[in-house]
Amino acid sequence: MKTTLLLSLCLFPLVVSTVSCREKGPAEKAGESVDKSVEKVKDTIDPKGPLEKAGKKVDNALDK
């Protein structure tokens, strides 16, 4: 009984995260838009070097 309860408590976050990560909701999309805007402003104030720019392009290509 304890083993079953413990196992189900351990697996529950994995099941929830798998189901909830399929589609982005409007709030998540808006948050990503805000993040990108802030990043652009930050880059204007303190420009990135060539390696940081290359890393950002790789991140964007991998959709992270």
N, C-alpha and C. Protein backbone atom coordinates (compact mmCIF):
# COMPACT_ATOMS: atom_id res chain seq x y z
N MET A 1 0.82 -1.19 0.00
CA MET A 1 0.00 0.00 0.00
C MET A 1 0.87 1.26 0.00
N LYS A 2 1.87 1.29 0.87
CA LYS A 2 2.75 2.45 0.94
C LYS A 2 3.55 2.60 -0.35
N THR A 3 3.97 1.50 -0.91
CA THR A 3 4.75 1.52 -2.14
C THR A 3 3.92 2.08 -3.29
N THR A 4 2.68 1.66 -3.38
CA THR A 4 1.79 2.14 -4.43
C THR A 4 1.55 3.64 -4.29
N LEU A 5 1.31 4.11 -3.09
CA LEU A 5 1.08 5.52 -2.84
C LEU A 5 2.33 6.33 -3.17
N LEU A 6 3.47 5.85 -2.74
CA LEU A 6 4.72 6.54 -3.00
C LEU A 6 5.02 6.60 -4.50
N LEU A 7 4.80 5.51 -5.18
CA LEU A 7 5.03 5.45 -6.62
C LEU A 7 4.10 6.39 -7.37
N SER A 8 2.84 6.42 -6.99
CA SER A 8 1.88 7.30 -7.66
C SER A 8 2.21 8.77 -7.39
N LEU A 9 2.67 9.10 -6.20
CA LEU A 9 3.07 10.48 -5.91
C LEU A 9 4.31 10.89 -6.70
N CYS A 10 5.19 9.96 -6.95
CA CYS A 10 6.40 10.26 -7.72
C CYS A 10 6.09 10.41 -9.21
N LEU A 11 5.16 9.64 -9.72
CA LEU A 11 4.84 9.67 -11.15
C LEU A 11 3.84 10.76 -11.52
N PHE A 12 3.07 11.26 -10.58
CA PHE A 12 2.05 12.26 -10.87
C PHE A 12 2.61 13.51 -11.55
N PRO A 13 3.70 14.11 -11.06
CA PRO A 13 4.23 15.31 -11.74
C PRO A 13 4.65 15.03 -13.18
N LEU A 14 5.15 13.84 -13.45
CA LEU A 14 5.56 13.50 -14.82
C LEU A 14 4.36 13.41 -15.75
N VAL A 15 3.28 12.83 -15.26
CA VAL A 15 2.07 12.70 -16.07
C VAL A 15 1.46 14.08 -16.32
N VAL A 16 1.40 14.90 -15.30
CA VAL A 16 0.82 16.23 -15.44
C VAL A 16 1.65 17.08 -16.38
N SER A 17 2.97 17.04 -16.26
CA SER A 17 3.82 17.85 -17.14
C SER A 17 3.74 17.38 -18.58
N THR A 18 3.58 16.11 -18.81
CA THR A 18 3.47 15.58 -20.17
C THR A 18 2.16 16.03 -20.81
N VAL A 19 1.09 15.99 -20.08
CA VAL A 19 -0.22 16.37 -20.61
C VAL A 19 -0.29 17.88 -20.80
N SER A 20 0.23 18.65 -19.87
CA SER A 20 0.08 20.09 -19.92
C SER A 20 1.04 20.78 -20.88
N CYS A 21 2.05 20.11 -21.37
CA CYS A 21 3.05 20.75 -22.21
C CYS A 21 2.79 20.60 -23.70
N ARG A 22 1.65 20.13 -24.08
CA ARG A 22 1.38 19.91 -25.50
C ARG A 22 1.16 21.21 -26.25
N GLU A 23 0.35 22.11 -25.73
CA GLU A 23 0.05 23.35 -26.41
C GLU A 23 0.32 24.52 -25.48
N LYS A 24 0.78 25.62 -26.08
CA LYS A 24 1.02 26.82 -25.30
C LYS A 24 -0.28 27.62 -25.24
N GLY A 25 -0.61 28.08 -24.05
CA GLY A 25 -1.80 28.90 -23.89
C GLY A 25 -1.51 30.36 -24.21
N PRO A 26 -2.53 31.19 -24.21
CA PRO A 26 -2.34 32.59 -24.53
C PRO A 26 -1.45 33.33 -23.54
N ALA A 27 -1.51 32.97 -22.28
CA ALA A 27 -0.67 33.64 -21.29
C ALA A 27 0.81 33.29 -21.51
N GLU A 28 1.08 32.05 -21.85
CA GLU A 28 2.46 31.64 -22.09
C GLU A 28 3.01 32.31 -23.34
N LYS A 29 2.19 32.41 -24.39
CA LYS A 29 2.60 33.09 -25.61
C LYS A 29 2.88 34.57 -25.34
N ALA A 30 2.01 35.20 -24.55
CA ALA A 30 2.20 36.61 -24.21
C ALA A 30 3.47 36.78 -23.38
N GLY A 31 3.71 35.87 -22.47
CA GLY A 31 4.92 35.93 -21.65
C GLY A 31 6.18 35.80 -22.48
N GLU A 32 6.16 34.91 -23.47
CA GLU A 32 7.31 34.76 -24.35
C GLU A 32 7.54 36.01 -25.17
N SER A 33 6.46 36.65 -25.59
CA SER A 33 6.57 37.90 -26.34
C SER A 33 7.20 38.99 -25.49
N VAL A 34 6.78 39.07 -24.23
CA VAL A 34 7.36 40.05 -23.31
C VAL A 34 8.85 39.74 -23.09
N ASP A 35 9.18 38.47 -22.91
CA ASP A 35 10.57 38.07 -22.72
C ASP A 35 11.44 38.49 -23.90
N LYS A 36 10.94 38.28 -25.11
CA LYS A 36 11.70 38.65 -26.31
C LYS A 36 11.87 40.15 -26.40
N SER A 37 10.83 40.91 -26.04
CA SER A 37 10.92 42.37 -26.07
C SER A 37 11.95 42.87 -25.07
N VAL A 38 11.93 42.31 -23.89
CA VAL A 38 12.90 42.71 -22.87
C VAL A 38 14.32 42.36 -23.31
N GLU A 39 14.47 41.22 -23.93
CA GLU A 39 15.78 40.79 -24.43
C GLU A 39 16.30 41.76 -25.49
N LYS A 40 15.41 42.23 -26.37
CA LYS A 40 15.81 43.18 -27.41
C LYS A 40 16.25 44.50 -26.80
N VAL A 41 15.53 44.97 -25.80
CA VAL A 41 15.90 46.22 -25.12
C VAL A 41 17.25 46.05 -24.43
N LYS A 42 17.43 44.91 -23.78
CA LYS A 42 18.70 44.64 -23.09
C LYS A 42 19.86 44.60 -24.09
N ASP A 43 19.62 44.02 -25.26
CA ASP A 43 20.67 43.95 -26.28
C ASP A 43 21.01 45.33 -26.84
N THR A 44 20.02 46.21 -26.89
CA THR A 44 20.26 47.57 -27.35
C THR A 44 21.15 48.32 -26.36
N ILE A 45 20.89 48.12 -25.09
CA ILE A 45 21.67 48.81 -24.06
C ILE A 45 23.06 48.21 -23.92
N ASP A 46 23.14 46.90 -23.89
CA ASP A 46 24.41 46.19 -23.72
C ASP A 46 24.52 45.12 -24.81
N PRO A 47 25.07 45.49 -25.98
CA PRO A 47 25.11 44.53 -27.10
C PRO A 47 25.89 43.26 -26.77
N LYS A 48 25.43 42.17 -27.37
CA LYS A 48 26.09 40.88 -27.16
C LYS A 48 27.27 40.73 -28.09
N GLY A 49 28.20 39.91 -27.68
CA GLY A 49 29.35 39.60 -28.51
C GLY A 49 28.99 38.53 -29.54
N PRO A 50 29.91 38.22 -30.45
CA PRO A 50 29.61 37.26 -31.52
C PRO A 50 29.28 35.85 -31.02
N LEU A 51 29.92 35.41 -29.96
CA LEU A 51 29.63 34.06 -29.44
C LEU A 51 28.26 34.00 -28.77
N GLU A 52 27.89 35.06 -28.08
CA GLU A 52 26.57 35.09 -27.46
C GLU A 52 25.48 35.11 -28.54
N LYS A 53 25.72 35.86 -29.62
CA LYS A 53 24.75 35.91 -30.71
C LYS A 53 24.61 34.53 -31.36
N ALA A 54 25.72 33.85 -31.55
CA ALA A 54 25.68 32.51 -32.15
C ALA A 54 24.93 31.54 -31.23
N GLY A 55 25.18 31.63 -29.95
CA GLY A 55 24.48 30.78 -28.98
C GLY A 55 22.98 31.03 -28.98
N LYS A 56 22.60 32.30 -29.09
CA LYS A 56 21.18 32.65 -29.12
C LYS A 56 20.51 32.09 -30.37
N LYS A 57 21.23 32.13 -31.51
CA LYS A 57 20.69 31.59 -32.74
C LYS A 57 20.48 30.07 -32.62
N VAL A 58 21.41 29.41 -31.97
CA VAL A 58 21.28 27.96 -31.76
C VAL A 58 20.08 27.68 -30.86
N ASP A 59 19.93 28.46 -29.79
CA ASP A 59 18.78 28.29 -28.89
C ASP A 59 17.47 28.50 -29.63
N ASN A 60 17.42 29.53 -30.46
CA ASN A 60 16.19 29.80 -31.21
C ASN A 60 15.90 28.69 -32.21
N ALA A 61 16.96 28.15 -32.83
CA ALA A 61 16.77 27.07 -33.79
C ALA A 61 16.24 25.81 -33.09
N LEU A 62 16.66 25.60 -31.85
CA LEU A 62 16.19 24.44 -31.10
C LEU A 62 14.90 24.73 -30.33
N ASP A 63 14.40 25.98 -30.47
CA ASP A 63 13.15 26.42 -29.84
C ASP A 63 13.22 26.32 -28.32
N LYS A 64 14.26 26.89 -27.74
CA LYS A 64 14.41 26.90 -26.29
C LYS A 64 14.26 28.29 -25.77
